[in-house]
Amino acid sequence: MSTHEFNDQLVRSQRGLFHYALSLTHDAERARDLVQDSFLKALSNRDKFKHGTDLKAWLTTITRNQFINGYRRQRLSRTLEGDIDRPGVANASGPDHDPIAGMDARKATEYLERMRPMFREPFKLFQDGFRYQEIAEKVGVPLGTVKSRIHQARQELMAVMGGSSVAV
């Protein structure tokens, strides 16, 4: 598929993608932003699109992942800013347990800043919604090392913050 054909199909899918984004965000402005972010991601990863693949499904997957990553970033931001209902109480209910959710934001931030950079940087990138492979490329270490460092950072943070080691 040529670049021109790819771009044409991308533009034609905008309306349907907007409706999908709207179903995720329930807000027209946020849905437009999500579609723009998805298009940017699709354009920057055009080389990963395989000819014969359903472009609509590929874009839908990108949009869903962008939404999830945005939600994670927003949740982390609220937690670190102290905008939580019960500061100092960790919420360990369910499989989506976030090791820093519900902790004293100031204490968590202080510890993160004291954490060794080899652990802090991958952990922060992961909390910002980056994938393991993206983190490995940014930090310049193998994928397994990134996963190990993020796990160790979680365990350290949980221990320091008084929480139990919960598999995340």
Protein backbone atom coordinates (compact mmCIF):
# COMPACT_ATOMS: atom_id res chain seq x y z
CA MET A 1 0.00 0.00 0.00
CA SER A 2 1.42 3.35 -1.00
CA THR A 3 1.71 6.26 1.41
CA HIS A 4 -1.00 8.10 -0.51
CA GLU A 5 -3.41 5.14 -0.26
CA PHE A 6 -2.62 4.72 3.43
CA ASN A 7 -3.30 8.40 4.13
CA ASP A 8 -6.56 8.32 2.12
CA GLN A 9 -7.82 5.32 4.08
CA LEU A 10 -6.75 6.98 7.30
CA VAL A 11 -8.77 10.11 6.50
CA ARG A 12 -11.79 8.04 5.46
CA SER A 13 -11.75 6.20 8.76
CA GLN A 14 -11.78 9.40 10.82
CA ARG A 15 -15.54 9.57 11.39
CA GLY A 16 -15.88 5.97 12.55
CA LEU A 17 -12.82 6.30 14.75
CA PHE A 18 -14.24 9.47 16.29
CA HIS A 19 -17.44 7.63 17.24
CA TYR A 20 -15.39 4.83 18.78
CA ALA A 21 -13.27 7.36 20.72
CA LEU A 22 -16.44 9.09 21.86
CA SER A 23 -17.74 5.79 23.24
CA LEU A 24 -14.54 5.52 25.28
CA THR A 25 -14.25 9.10 26.52
CA HIS A 26 -17.89 10.27 26.65
CA ASP A 27 -16.59 13.74 25.77
CA ALA A 28 -16.37 15.14 22.22
CA GLU A 29 -13.25 17.23 22.85
CA ARG A 30 -11.37 14.38 24.46
CA ALA A 31 -12.52 12.08 21.65
CA ARG A 32 -11.10 14.47 19.03
CA ASP A 33 -7.81 14.59 20.93
CA LEU A 34 -7.75 10.81 21.16
CA VAL A 35 -8.33 10.46 17.41
CA GLN A 36 -5.52 12.95 16.71
CA ASP A 37 -3.17 11.06 19.02
CA SER A 38 -4.15 7.79 17.34
CA PHE A 39 -3.55 9.19 13.87
CA LEU A 40 -0.16 10.49 14.94
CA LYS A 41 0.73 7.07 16.36
CA ALA A 42 -0.54 5.36 13.19
CA LEU A 43 1.45 7.67 10.94
CA SER A 44 4.62 7.26 12.96
CA ASN A 45 4.19 3.46 12.92
CA ARG A 46 3.05 3.15 9.31
CA ASP A 47 5.96 0.79 8.62
CA LYS A 48 4.47 -1.69 11.13
CA PHE A 49 1.15 -1.86 9.26
CA LYS A 50 1.05 -5.09 7.29
CA HIS A 51 -0.52 -5.03 3.83
CA GLY A 52 -3.75 -7.03 3.85
CA THR A 53 -4.49 -6.18 7.49
CA ASP A 54 -7.76 -4.45 8.27
CA LEU A 55 -6.82 -0.79 8.73
CA LYS A 56 -9.97 -0.08 10.74
CA ALA A 57 -9.14 -2.82 13.24
CA TRP A 58 -5.52 -1.62 13.45
CA LEU A 59 -6.64 1.97 14.13
CA THR A 60 -9.21 0.81 16.67
CA THR A 61 -6.51 -1.08 18.54
CA ILE A 62 -4.23 1.96 18.50
CA THR A 63 -7.07 4.16 19.74
CA ARG A 64 -7.96 1.76 22.54
CA ASN A 65 -4.32 1.54 23.64
CA GLN A 66 -3.92 5.33 23.51
CA PHE A 67 -7.04 5.67 25.67
CA ILE A 68 -5.78 3.12 28.21
CA ASN A 69 -2.34 4.75 28.37
CA GLY A 70 -3.95 8.16 28.84
CA TYR A 71 -6.09 6.78 31.64
CA ARG A 72 -3.01 5.37 33.36
CA ARG A 73 -1.18 8.69 33.08
CA GLN A 74 -4.21 10.55 34.42
CA ARG A 75 -4.60 8.15 37.32
CA LEU A 76 -0.92 8.47 38.24
CA SER A 77 -1.07 12.23 37.99
CA ARG A 78 -4.07 12.40 40.34
CA THR A 79 -2.33 10.08 42.79
CA LEU A 80 0.96 11.98 42.83
CA GLU A 81 -0.81 15.32 43.14
CA GLY A 82 -2.66 14.04 46.18
CA ASP A 83 -6.06 14.24 44.48
CA ILE A 84 -7.35 11.04 46.04
CA ASP A 85 -10.21 10.34 48.41
CA ARG A 86 -8.24 8.83 51.30
CA PRO A 87 -4.55 9.77 51.28
CA GLY A 88 -2.23 7.24 52.87
CA VAL A 89 -4.49 4.24 52.26
CA ALA A 90 -3.47 1.79 49.57
CA ASN A 91 -6.27 0.23 47.58
CA ALA A 92 -5.26 -3.36 46.85
CA SER A 93 -8.59 -4.60 45.56
CA GLY A 94 -8.57 -6.29 42.22
CA PRO A 95 -6.05 -7.14 39.52
CA ASP A 96 -5.46 -3.52 38.51
CA HIS A 97 -3.72 -2.72 41.80
CA ASP A 98 -1.28 0.14 41.29
CA PRO A 99 1.58 0.07 43.81
CA ILE A 100 1.49 3.84 44.31
CA ALA A 101 -2.27 4.37 44.16
CA GLY A 102 -3.60 5.68 47.43
CA MET A 103 -0.20 6.26 49.01
CA ASP A 104 0.88 9.49 50.57
CA ALA A 105 1.82 11.35 47.39
CA ARG A 106 4.58 13.41 48.97
CA LYS A 107 6.21 10.34 50.51
CA ALA A 108 5.96 8.36 47.26
CA THR A 109 7.43 11.23 45.24
CA GLU A 110 10.29 11.69 47.71
CA TYR A 111 11.17 8.02 47.58
CA LEU A 112 10.94 7.90 43.78
CA GLU A 113 13.41 10.79 43.57
CA ARG A 114 15.84 8.97 45.91
CA MET A 115 15.51 5.70 44.02
CA ARG A 116 18.54 4.76 41.92
CA PRO A 117 18.15 6.12 38.36
CA MET A 118 18.51 2.66 36.84
CA PHE A 119 15.22 1.74 38.55
CA ARG A 120 13.51 5.13 38.71
CA GLU A 121 13.66 5.93 34.99
CA PRO A 122 12.06 2.68 33.70
CA PHE A 123 9.46 2.79 36.50
CA LYS A 124 8.42 6.36 35.70
CA LEU A 125 8.26 5.62 31.96
CA PHE A 126 6.09 2.58 32.67
CA GLN A 127 3.78 4.64 34.87
CA ASP A 128 3.57 7.20 32.05
CA GLY A 129 2.10 4.48 29.82
CA PHE A 130 5.11 3.43 27.78
CA ARG A 131 5.39 -0.23 26.81
CA TYR A 132 8.30 -2.36 27.95
CA GLN A 133 9.84 -2.43 24.46
CA GLU A 134 9.60 1.37 24.15
CA ILE A 135 11.25 1.75 27.56
CA ALA A 136 14.03 -0.65 26.59
CA GLU A 137 14.76 1.43 23.49
CA LYS A 138 14.68 4.72 25.42
CA VAL A 139 16.90 3.51 28.24
CA GLY A 140 19.16 1.37 26.04
CA VAL A 141 18.92 -1.91 27.95
CA PRO A 142 17.46 -5.33 27.03
CA LEU A 143 13.73 -5.94 27.42
CA GLY A 144 14.18 -8.46 30.25
CA THR A 145 16.29 -5.98 32.19
CA VAL A 146 13.55 -3.35 31.89
CA LYS A 147 10.92 -5.77 33.20
CA SER A 148 13.18 -6.79 36.07
CA ARG A 149 13.98 -3.19 37.04
CA ILE A 150 10.33 -2.15 36.99
CA HIS A 151 9.44 -5.14 39.14
CA GLN A 152 12.24 -4.36 41.60
CA ALA A 153 11.21 -0.69 41.74
CA ARG A 154 7.63 -1.73 42.55
CA GLN A 155 8.80 -4.08 45.27
CA GLU A 156 11.05 -1.41 46.81
CA LEU A 157 8.30 1.18 46.70
CA MET A 158 5.79 -1.19 48.27
CA ALA A 159 8.25 -2.08 51.05
CA VAL A 160 9.15 1.53 51.79
CA MET A 161 5.54 2.68 51.71
CA GLY A 162 4.47 -0.05 54.12
CA GLY A 163 2.43 -2.05 51.62
CA SER A 164 2.68 -5.73 50.98
CA SER A 165 4.30 -7.17 47.89
CA VAL A 166 1.35 -7.54 45.57
CA ALA A 167 1.92 -9.04 42.14
CA VAL A 168 0.99 -6.44 39.58
